Amino acid sequence: MDFKAYRRPDGAYVLVPDCLVASRDAQARHGPLVLVARFDAPCPAEDPVWNRVLGDLDRQSYAVVRRETGEQLLRLATVSELV
């Protein structure tokens, strides 16, 4: 799945499907957000983190992950663009 990764002021990441931008709700709750990358990540169904991320995306069009998790995702994923 293709994502945009935005960094929050505290270092955590807000993930948004690549076809969208961070919503007003995401900006208001977690901003200011800075776009840092576009990337393609496999979403293994057995991974509890991905299950939560995908559930959050279904509910609110974005998901928040801790800094460590976001950095790990960016290292493991196919990064198409660093902003």
N, C-alpha and C. Protein backbone atom coordinates (compact mmCIF):
# COMPACT_ATOMS: atom_id res chain seq x y z
N MET A 1 0.85 -1.17 0.00
CA MET A 1 0.00 0.00 0.00
C MET A 1 0.90 1.24 0.00
N ASP A 2 0.49 2.25 -0.74
CA ASP A 2 1.26 3.49 -0.84
C ASP A 2 0.76 4.50 0.19
N PHE A 3 1.71 5.11 0.88
CA PHE A 3 1.41 6.07 1.95
C PHE A 3 2.18 7.36 1.77
N LYS A 4 1.67 8.39 2.42
CA LYS A 4 2.44 9.59 2.71
C LYS A 4 2.69 9.56 4.20
N ALA A 5 3.89 9.91 4.60
CA ALA A 5 4.25 9.98 6.01
C ALA A 5 4.46 11.43 6.39
N TYR A 6 3.73 11.87 7.40
CA TYR A 6 3.88 13.22 7.94
C TYR A 6 4.48 13.09 9.34
N ARG A 7 5.38 13.97 9.69
CA ARG A 7 5.97 13.95 11.03
C ARG A 7 5.24 14.96 11.91
N ARG A 8 4.91 14.52 13.12
CA ARG A 8 4.31 15.40 14.12
C ARG A 8 5.42 16.13 14.86
N PRO A 9 5.09 17.20 15.59
CA PRO A 9 6.11 17.93 16.35
C PRO A 9 6.85 17.06 17.36
N ASP A 10 6.20 16.02 17.90
CA ASP A 10 6.86 15.15 18.88
C ASP A 10 7.66 14.01 18.25
N GLY A 11 7.71 13.96 16.90
CA GLY A 11 8.48 12.93 16.22
C GLY A 11 7.67 11.74 15.76
N ALA A 12 6.44 11.58 16.25
CA ALA A 12 5.59 10.49 15.78
C ALA A 12 5.19 10.77 14.33
N TYR A 13 4.63 9.76 13.67
CA TYR A 13 4.25 9.88 12.27
C TYR A 13 2.75 9.72 12.10
N VAL A 14 2.21 10.47 11.16
CA VAL A 14 0.82 10.31 10.74
C VAL A 14 0.89 9.74 9.32
N LEU A 15 0.29 8.57 9.14
CA LEU A 15 0.29 7.91 7.83
C LEU A 15 -1.05 8.15 7.15
N VAL A 16 -0.99 8.48 5.88
CA VAL A 16 -2.17 8.78 5.08
C VAL A 16 -2.03 8.04 3.76
N PRO A 17 -3.11 7.45 3.23
CA PRO A 17 -2.99 6.84 1.90
C PRO A 17 -2.46 7.87 0.90
N ASP A 18 -1.63 7.41 -0.02
CA ASP A 18 -0.95 8.32 -0.94
C ASP A 18 -1.92 9.14 -1.78
N CYS A 19 -3.13 8.67 -1.99
CA CYS A 19 -4.09 9.40 -2.82
C CYS A 19 -4.77 10.54 -2.05
N LEU A 20 -4.48 10.69 -0.76
CA LEU A 20 -5.08 11.73 0.06
C LEU A 20 -4.00 12.65 0.63
N VAL A 21 -4.45 13.74 1.25
CA VAL A 21 -3.56 14.59 2.04
C VAL A 21 -4.05 14.50 3.49
N ALA A 22 -3.23 14.92 4.41
CA ALA A 22 -3.64 14.90 5.82
C ALA A 22 -4.90 15.76 5.99
N SER A 23 -5.89 15.22 6.63
CA SER A 23 -7.17 15.89 6.79
C SER A 23 -7.07 17.07 7.76
N ARG A 24 -8.10 17.89 7.76
CA ARG A 24 -8.16 18.98 8.73
C ARG A 24 -8.14 18.44 10.15
N ASP A 25 -8.84 17.33 10.36
CA ASP A 25 -8.86 16.71 11.69
C ASP A 25 -7.45 16.28 12.10
N ALA A 26 -6.73 15.64 11.18
CA ALA A 26 -5.36 15.22 11.49
C ALA A 26 -4.47 16.43 11.79
N GLN A 27 -4.61 17.49 11.00
CA GLN A 27 -3.81 18.69 11.23
C GLN A 27 -4.16 19.32 12.58
N ALA A 28 -5.46 19.39 12.90
CA ALA A 28 -5.89 20.01 14.15
C ALA A 28 -5.44 19.20 15.37
N ARG A 29 -5.54 17.89 15.29
CA ARG A 29 -5.20 17.03 16.44
C ARG A 29 -3.70 16.79 16.58
N HIS A 30 -2.98 16.73 15.46
CA HIS A 30 -1.60 16.26 15.51
C HIS A 30 -0.59 17.24 14.91
N GLY A 31 -1.06 18.35 14.39
CA GLY A 31 -0.19 19.27 13.66
C GLY A 31 0.55 20.25 14.55
N PRO A 32 1.37 21.03 13.91
CA PRO A 32 1.53 21.08 12.47
C PRO A 32 2.26 19.84 11.96
N LEU A 33 1.80 19.34 10.82
CA LEU A 33 2.38 18.15 10.22
C LEU A 33 3.29 18.53 9.07
N VAL A 34 4.39 17.79 8.95
CA VAL A 34 5.36 18.04 7.88
C VAL A 34 5.47 16.77 7.05
N LEU A 35 5.19 16.89 5.76
CA LEU A 35 5.33 15.74 4.86
C LEU A 35 6.81 15.39 4.73
N VAL A 36 7.15 14.13 5.03
CA VAL A 36 8.56 13.73 4.96
C VAL A 36 8.85 12.66 3.92
N ALA A 37 7.83 11.88 3.51
CA ALA A 37 8.11 10.83 2.54
C ALA A 37 6.83 10.28 1.94
N ARG A 38 7.02 9.73 0.74
CA ARG A 38 6.00 8.88 0.13
C ARG A 38 6.64 7.50 0.05
N PHE A 39 5.89 6.47 0.41
CA PHE A 39 6.51 5.14 0.41
C PHE A 39 5.48 4.05 0.18
N ASP A 40 5.98 2.91 -0.25
CA ASP A 40 5.17 1.72 -0.48
C ASP A 40 5.54 0.71 0.60
N ALA A 41 4.54 0.26 1.33
CA ALA A 41 4.81 -0.68 2.42
C ALA A 41 3.93 -1.91 2.27
N PRO A 42 4.51 -3.08 2.45
CA PRO A 42 3.67 -4.28 2.51
C PRO A 42 2.86 -4.21 3.80
N CYS A 43 1.68 -4.69 3.77
CA CYS A 43 0.81 -4.66 4.96
C CYS A 43 0.46 -6.09 5.35
N PRO A 44 1.38 -6.78 6.02
CA PRO A 44 1.12 -8.17 6.36
C PRO A 44 -0.07 -8.31 7.31
N ALA A 45 -1.02 -9.13 6.93
CA ALA A 45 -2.27 -9.28 7.69
C ALA A 45 -2.03 -9.78 9.11
N GLU A 46 -0.95 -10.52 9.33
CA GLU A 46 -0.70 -11.08 10.66
C GLU A 46 -0.04 -10.10 11.62
N ASP A 47 0.36 -8.94 11.13
CA ASP A 47 1.05 -7.95 11.95
C ASP A 47 0.04 -7.07 12.69
N PRO A 48 0.05 -7.09 14.03
CA PRO A 48 -0.93 -6.30 14.79
C PRO A 48 -0.82 -4.80 14.56
N VAL A 49 0.38 -4.29 14.31
CA VAL A 49 0.53 -2.86 14.03
C VAL A 49 -0.21 -2.51 12.75
N TRP A 50 -0.02 -3.32 11.70
CA TRP A 50 -0.71 -3.04 10.44
C TRP A 50 -2.21 -3.19 10.57
N ASN A 51 -2.66 -4.14 11.36
CA ASN A 51 -4.11 -4.28 11.57
C ASN A 51 -4.66 -3.01 12.19
N ARG A 52 -3.96 -2.44 13.15
CA ARG A 52 -4.42 -1.19 13.77
C ARG A 52 -4.35 -0.04 12.78
N VAL A 53 -3.24 0.06 12.03
CA VAL A 53 -3.10 1.13 11.04
C VAL A 53 -4.23 1.07 10.02
N LEU A 54 -4.49 -0.10 9.48
CA LEU A 54 -5.54 -0.24 8.47
C LEU A 54 -6.92 0.06 9.06
N GLY A 55 -7.16 -0.34 10.29
CA GLY A 55 -8.43 -0.01 10.95
C GLY A 55 -8.58 1.48 11.15
N ASP A 56 -7.51 2.15 11.57
CA ASP A 56 -7.55 3.61 11.73
C ASP A 56 -7.80 4.30 10.40
N LEU A 57 -7.16 3.82 9.34
CA LEU A 57 -7.37 4.41 8.02
C LEU A 57 -8.84 4.28 7.59
N ASP A 58 -9.43 3.13 7.87
CA ASP A 58 -10.85 2.94 7.54
C ASP A 58 -11.74 3.91 8.31
N ARG A 59 -11.43 4.15 9.58
CA ARG A 59 -12.26 5.00 10.43
C ARG A 59 -12.06 6.49 10.17
N GLN A 60 -10.80 6.91 9.98
CA GLN A 60 -10.55 8.35 9.99
C GLN A 60 -9.62 8.84 8.88
N SER A 61 -9.24 7.99 7.97
CA SER A 61 -8.38 8.30 6.82
C SER A 61 -6.93 8.60 7.18
N TYR A 62 -6.53 8.38 8.42
CA TYR A 62 -5.12 8.50 8.80
C TYR A 62 -4.86 7.60 10.01
N ALA A 63 -3.58 7.31 10.23
CA ALA A 63 -3.18 6.51 11.39
C ALA A 63 -1.92 7.13 11.98
N VAL A 64 -1.82 7.07 13.29
CA VAL A 64 -0.65 7.61 13.99
C VAL A 64 0.19 6.44 14.48
N VAL A 65 1.51 6.52 14.24
CA VAL A 65 2.43 5.52 14.77
C VAL A 65 3.55 6.24 15.50
N ARG A 66 4.10 5.58 16.50
CA ARG A 66 5.21 6.16 17.26
C ARG A 66 6.41 6.40 16.36
N ARG A 67 7.28 7.29 16.81
CA ARG A 67 8.47 7.64 16.03
C ARG A 67 9.26 6.39 15.65
N GLU A 68 9.49 5.50 16.60
CA GLU A 68 10.29 4.31 16.33
C GLU A 68 9.65 3.44 15.26
N THR A 69 8.34 3.28 15.34
CA THR A 69 7.61 2.46 14.37
C THR A 69 7.67 3.11 13.00
N GLY A 70 7.45 4.43 12.93
CA GLY A 70 7.50 5.13 11.66
C GLY A 70 8.87 5.06 11.01
N GLU A 71 9.92 5.22 11.81
CA GLU A 71 11.27 5.15 11.27
C GLU A 71 11.59 3.74 10.77
N GLN A 72 11.11 2.74 11.49
CA GLN A 72 11.30 1.36 11.05
C GLN A 72 10.56 1.10 9.74
N LEU A 73 9.34 1.59 9.62
CA LEU A 73 8.58 1.43 8.38
C LEU A 73 9.31 2.07 7.21
N LEU A 74 9.83 3.25 7.40
CA LEU A 74 10.53 3.94 6.33
C LEU A 74 11.81 3.19 5.93
N ARG A 75 12.49 2.57 6.90
CA ARG A 75 13.69 1.80 6.58
C ARG A 75 13.36 0.55 5.79
N LEU A 76 12.26 -0.11 6.13
CA LEU A 76 11.90 -1.38 5.52
C LEU A 76 11.13 -1.22 4.21
N ALA A 77 10.46 -0.10 4.04
CA ALA A 77 9.59 0.11 2.89
C ALA A 77 10.39 0.57 1.68
N THR A 78 9.73 0.56 0.55
CA THR A 78 10.27 1.12 -0.66
C THR A 78 9.89 2.58 -0.68
N VAL A 79 10.86 3.45 -0.39
CA VAL A 79 10.60 4.88 -0.34
C VAL A 79 10.67 5.43 -1.75
N SER A 80 9.58 6.03 -2.21
CA SER A 80 9.57 6.58 -3.56
C SER A 80 10.00 8.04 -3.58
N GLU A 81 9.85 8.73 -2.46
CA GLU A 81 10.25 10.13 -2.43
C GLU A 81 10.45 10.57 -1.00
N LEU A 82 11.58 11.17 -0.71
CA LEU A 82 11.80 11.83 0.56
C LEU A 82 11.61 13.31 0.31
N VAL A 83 10.82 13.91 1.16
CA VAL A 83 10.51 15.33 0.98
C VAL A 83 11.35 16.15 1.93
